[in-house]
Amino acid sequence: MSGERNGNTGGHLEPDFAQALKELARGEGAATAMENHLDALEKKIEEMLAKAEEDEEALASRPKSSATDPSTNDERKPAA
């Protein structure tokens, strides 16, 4: 932006404008960090969904007797 557009012909930015630019840059950095974090979360969610789909398909392809056999779930039950 030229100095003529904001009324400053001395080549120096006004203090308020300079501060606004600093805050804008800081906000852009925060937005980039948040986007990166969200991308990582999205990747984890996609991996979890893919694993859940694989598990569901594997469960569906098992014979019914093993899917309903209570002895296969003994490891997950807490000891009484």
N, C-alpha and C. Protein backbone atom coordinates (compact mmCIF):
# COMPACT_ATOMS: atom_id res chain seq x y z
N MET A 1 0.85 -1.16 0.00
CA MET A 1 0.00 0.00 0.00
C MET A 1 0.89 1.23 0.00
N SER A 2 0.55 2.23 -0.78
CA SER A 2 1.38 3.42 -0.82
C SER A 2 0.99 4.36 0.32
N GLY A 3 1.92 5.24 0.66
CA GLY A 3 1.66 6.20 1.72
C GLY A 3 0.57 7.19 1.34
N GLU A 4 0.40 7.39 0.05
CA GLU A 4 -0.62 8.34 -0.40
C GLU A 4 -2.03 7.83 -0.10
N ARG A 5 -2.22 6.53 -0.12
CA ARG A 5 -3.56 5.97 0.09
C ARG A 5 -4.03 6.18 1.53
N ASN A 6 -3.11 6.15 2.49
CA ASN A 6 -3.54 6.33 3.87
C ASN A 6 -3.23 7.74 4.38
N GLY A 7 -2.81 8.62 3.48
CA GLY A 7 -2.58 10.01 3.86
C GLY A 7 -1.21 10.27 4.43
N ASN A 8 -0.33 9.29 4.52
CA ASN A 8 0.99 9.44 5.08
C ASN A 8 1.99 9.45 3.94
N THR A 9 2.52 10.62 3.63
CA THR A 9 3.45 10.74 2.51
C THR A 9 4.89 10.67 2.96
N GLY A 10 5.14 10.52 4.26
CA GLY A 10 6.49 10.47 4.78
C GLY A 10 7.13 9.10 4.67
N GLY A 11 6.43 8.10 4.22
CA GLY A 11 6.98 6.75 4.08
C GLY A 11 6.91 5.93 5.34
N HIS A 12 6.38 6.46 6.42
CA HIS A 12 6.25 5.72 7.68
C HIS A 12 4.78 5.36 7.91
N LEU A 13 4.57 4.15 8.37
CA LEU A 13 3.20 3.74 8.68
C LEU A 13 2.76 4.38 9.98
N GLU A 14 1.50 4.69 10.05
CA GLU A 14 0.96 5.22 11.29
C GLU A 14 1.02 4.14 12.36
N PRO A 15 1.24 4.50 13.61
CA PRO A 15 1.36 3.51 14.69
C PRO A 15 0.17 2.55 14.79
N ASP A 16 -1.04 3.07 14.64
CA ASP A 16 -2.22 2.20 14.72
C ASP A 16 -2.24 1.20 13.58
N PHE A 17 -1.88 1.65 12.40
CA PHE A 17 -1.86 0.77 11.24
C PHE A 17 -0.78 -0.29 11.39
N ALA A 18 0.37 0.11 11.89
CA ALA A 18 1.47 -0.84 12.12
C ALA A 18 1.06 -1.89 13.15
N GLN A 19 0.40 -1.45 14.21
CA GLN A 19 -0.07 -2.38 15.24
C GLN A 19 -1.10 -3.33 14.66
N ALA A 20 -1.99 -2.81 13.82
CA ALA A 20 -3.00 -3.67 13.18
C ALA A 20 -2.33 -4.72 12.31
N LEU A 21 -1.29 -4.35 11.60
CA LEU A 21 -0.57 -5.31 10.76
C LEU A 21 0.10 -6.39 11.61
N LYS A 22 0.66 -6.00 12.75
CA LYS A 22 1.27 -6.98 13.66
C LYS A 22 0.23 -7.95 14.19
N GLU A 23 -0.92 -7.42 14.59
CA GLU A 23 -1.98 -8.28 15.11
C GLU A 23 -2.54 -9.19 14.02
N LEU A 24 -2.63 -8.68 12.82
CA LEU A 24 -3.09 -9.48 11.70
C LEU A 24 -2.11 -10.63 11.43
N ALA A 25 -0.83 -10.34 11.45
CA ALA A 25 0.17 -11.38 11.24
C ALA A 25 0.11 -12.43 12.35
N ARG A 26 -0.07 -11.98 13.58
CA ARG A 26 -0.18 -12.91 14.71
C ARG A 26 -1.45 -13.77 14.56
N GLY A 27 -2.53 -13.16 14.13
CA GLY A 27 -3.78 -13.89 13.90
C GLY A 27 -3.63 -14.91 12.77
N GLU A 28 -2.92 -14.53 11.72
CA GLU A 28 -2.67 -15.47 10.62
C GLU A 28 -1.86 -16.66 11.10
N GLY A 29 -0.88 -16.40 11.95
CA GLY A 29 -0.08 -17.50 12.51
C GLY A 29 -0.92 -18.42 13.36
N ALA A 30 -1.81 -17.84 14.17
CA ALA A 30 -2.70 -18.66 15.01
C ALA A 30 -3.65 -19.47 14.15
N ALA A 31 -4.16 -18.87 13.08
CA ALA A 31 -5.08 -19.58 12.18
C ALA A 31 -4.36 -20.74 11.51
N THR A 32 -3.13 -20.53 11.09
CA THR A 32 -2.36 -21.60 10.46
C THR A 32 -2.12 -22.74 11.43
N ALA A 33 -1.78 -22.42 12.67
CA ALA A 33 -1.57 -23.45 13.68
C ALA A 33 -2.85 -24.23 13.93
N MET A 34 -3.98 -23.54 14.00
CA MET A 34 -5.25 -24.22 14.22
C MET A 34 -5.61 -25.11 13.03
N GLU A 35 -5.34 -24.64 11.81
CA GLU A 35 -5.61 -25.46 10.63
C GLU A 35 -4.76 -26.73 10.65
N ASN A 36 -3.50 -26.59 11.03
CA ASN A 36 -2.63 -27.76 11.11
C ASN A 36 -3.12 -28.75 12.16
N HIS A 37 -3.56 -28.24 13.29
CA HIS A 37 -4.08 -29.10 14.36
C HIS A 37 -5.36 -29.81 13.90
N LEU A 38 -6.24 -29.06 13.23
CA LEU A 38 -7.47 -29.66 12.73
C LEU A 38 -7.19 -30.71 11.66
N ASP A 39 -6.19 -30.45 10.81
CA ASP A 39 -5.81 -31.45 9.80
C ASP A 39 -5.34 -32.74 10.47
N ALA A 40 -4.56 -32.60 11.53
CA ALA A 40 -4.07 -33.78 12.25
C ALA A 40 -5.24 -34.53 12.91
N LEU A 41 -6.18 -33.80 13.48
CA LEU A 41 -7.35 -34.43 14.08
C LEU A 41 -8.19 -35.14 13.02
N GLU A 42 -8.35 -34.50 11.88
CA GLU A 42 -9.12 -35.11 10.79
C GLU A 42 -8.47 -36.41 10.33
N LYS A 43 -7.15 -36.40 10.24
CA LYS A 43 -6.44 -37.61 9.84
C LYS A 43 -6.66 -38.74 10.85
N LYS A 44 -6.59 -38.41 12.14
CA LYS A 44 -6.82 -39.42 13.18
C LYS A 44 -8.24 -39.96 13.13
N ILE A 45 -9.20 -39.08 12.90
CA ILE A 45 -10.60 -39.51 12.81
C ILE A 45 -10.79 -40.43 11.62
N GLU A 46 -10.20 -40.07 10.48
CA GLU A 46 -10.31 -40.92 9.29
C GLU A 46 -9.69 -42.29 9.53
N GLU A 47 -8.54 -42.32 10.23
CA GLU A 47 -7.91 -43.60 10.55
C GLU A 47 -8.79 -44.44 11.47
N MET A 48 -9.39 -43.80 12.46
CA MET A 48 -10.27 -44.51 13.38
C MET A 48 -11.51 -45.05 12.67
N LEU A 49 -12.08 -44.25 11.76
CA LEU A 49 -13.24 -44.71 11.01
C LEU A 49 -12.88 -45.88 10.10
N ALA A 50 -11.72 -45.80 9.45
CA ALA A 50 -11.29 -46.90 8.59
C ALA A 50 -11.10 -48.17 9.41
N LYS A 51 -10.50 -48.05 10.58
CA LYS A 51 -10.30 -49.21 11.46
C LYS A 51 -11.64 -49.77 11.92
N ALA A 52 -12.58 -48.90 12.25
CA ALA A 52 -13.90 -49.35 12.68
C ALA A 52 -14.62 -50.09 11.55
N GLU A 53 -14.48 -49.57 10.34
CA GLU A 53 -15.09 -50.25 9.19
C GLU A 53 -14.46 -51.62 8.96
N GLU A 54 -13.14 -51.69 9.08
CA GLU A 54 -12.45 -52.98 8.94
C GLU A 54 -12.92 -53.97 10.00
N ASP A 55 -13.01 -53.49 11.23
CA ASP A 55 -13.46 -54.36 12.33
C ASP A 55 -14.89 -54.82 12.11
N GLU A 56 -15.74 -53.91 11.62
CA GLU A 56 -17.13 -54.26 11.37
C GLU A 56 -17.23 -55.30 10.25
N GLU A 57 -16.43 -55.13 9.19
CA GLU A 57 -16.43 -56.09 8.09
C GLU A 57 -15.90 -57.44 8.56
N ALA A 58 -14.87 -57.43 9.38
CA ALA A 58 -14.31 -58.68 9.90
C ALA A 58 -15.33 -59.39 10.79
N LEU A 59 -16.04 -58.63 11.59
CA LEU A 59 -17.05 -59.21 12.46
C LEU A 59 -18.21 -59.78 11.65
N ALA A 60 -18.58 -59.08 10.59
CA ALA A 60 -19.69 -59.55 9.76
C ALA A 60 -19.32 -60.80 8.97
N SER A 61 -18.04 -60.96 8.66
CA SER A 61 -17.62 -62.12 7.88
C SER A 61 -17.37 -63.36 8.74
N ARG A 62 -17.37 -63.22 10.05
CA ARG A 62 -17.19 -64.36 10.95
C ARG A 62 -18.44 -65.21 10.96
N PRO A 63 -18.28 -66.51 11.22
CA PRO A 63 -19.47 -67.34 11.40
C PRO A 63 -20.24 -66.85 12.62
N LYS A 64 -21.55 -66.98 12.57
CA LYS A 64 -22.39 -66.47 13.66
C LYS A 64 -22.06 -67.10 15.00
N SER A 65 -21.65 -68.35 15.02
CA SER A 65 -21.38 -69.01 16.30
C SER A 65 -20.23 -68.34 17.04
N SER A 66 -19.20 -67.89 16.33
CA SER A 66 -18.08 -67.24 17.01
C SER A 66 -18.42 -65.81 17.39
N ALA A 67 -19.31 -65.20 16.65
CA ALA A 67 -19.69 -63.82 16.95
C ALA A 67 -20.57 -63.74 18.19
N THR A 68 -21.34 -64.83 18.44
CA THR A 68 -22.23 -64.81 19.60
C THR A 68 -21.71 -65.66 20.74
N ASP A 69 -20.56 -66.25 20.58
CA ASP A 69 -19.98 -67.11 21.61
C ASP A 69 -19.47 -66.24 22.76
N PRO A 70 -20.05 -66.36 23.93
CA PRO A 70 -19.64 -65.51 25.06
C PRO A 70 -18.21 -65.78 25.51
N SER A 71 -17.65 -66.94 25.19
CA SER A 71 -16.29 -67.23 25.62
C SER A 71 -15.27 -66.35 24.92
N THR A 72 -15.60 -65.78 23.76
CA THR A 72 -14.67 -64.91 23.04
C THR A 72 -14.57 -63.54 23.70
N ASN A 73 -15.50 -63.21 24.56
CA ASN A 73 -15.50 -61.91 25.22
C ASN A 73 -14.97 -61.97 26.65
N ASP A 74 -14.48 -63.11 27.10
CA ASP A 74 -14.01 -63.25 28.47
C ASP A 74 -12.86 -62.30 28.79
N GLU A 75 -12.01 -62.02 27.83
CA GLU A 75 -10.86 -61.15 28.08
C GLU A 75 -11.28 -59.73 28.41
N ARG A 76 -12.41 -59.32 27.92
CA ARG A 76 -12.84 -57.94 28.12
C ARG A 76 -13.65 -57.74 29.39
N LYS A 77 -14.11 -58.82 30.00
CA LYS A 77 -14.91 -58.71 31.21
C LYS A 77 -14.00 -58.56 32.42
N PRO A 78 -14.30 -57.63 33.32
CA PRO A 78 -13.49 -57.50 34.53
C PRO A 78 -13.72 -58.69 35.46
N ALA A 79 -12.69 -59.06 36.17
CA ALA A 79 -12.79 -60.18 37.12
C ALA A 79 -13.68 -59.77 38.28
N ALA A 80 -14.55 -60.67 38.70
CA ALA A 80 -15.49 -60.34 39.78
C ALA A 80 -14.93 -60.70 41.13
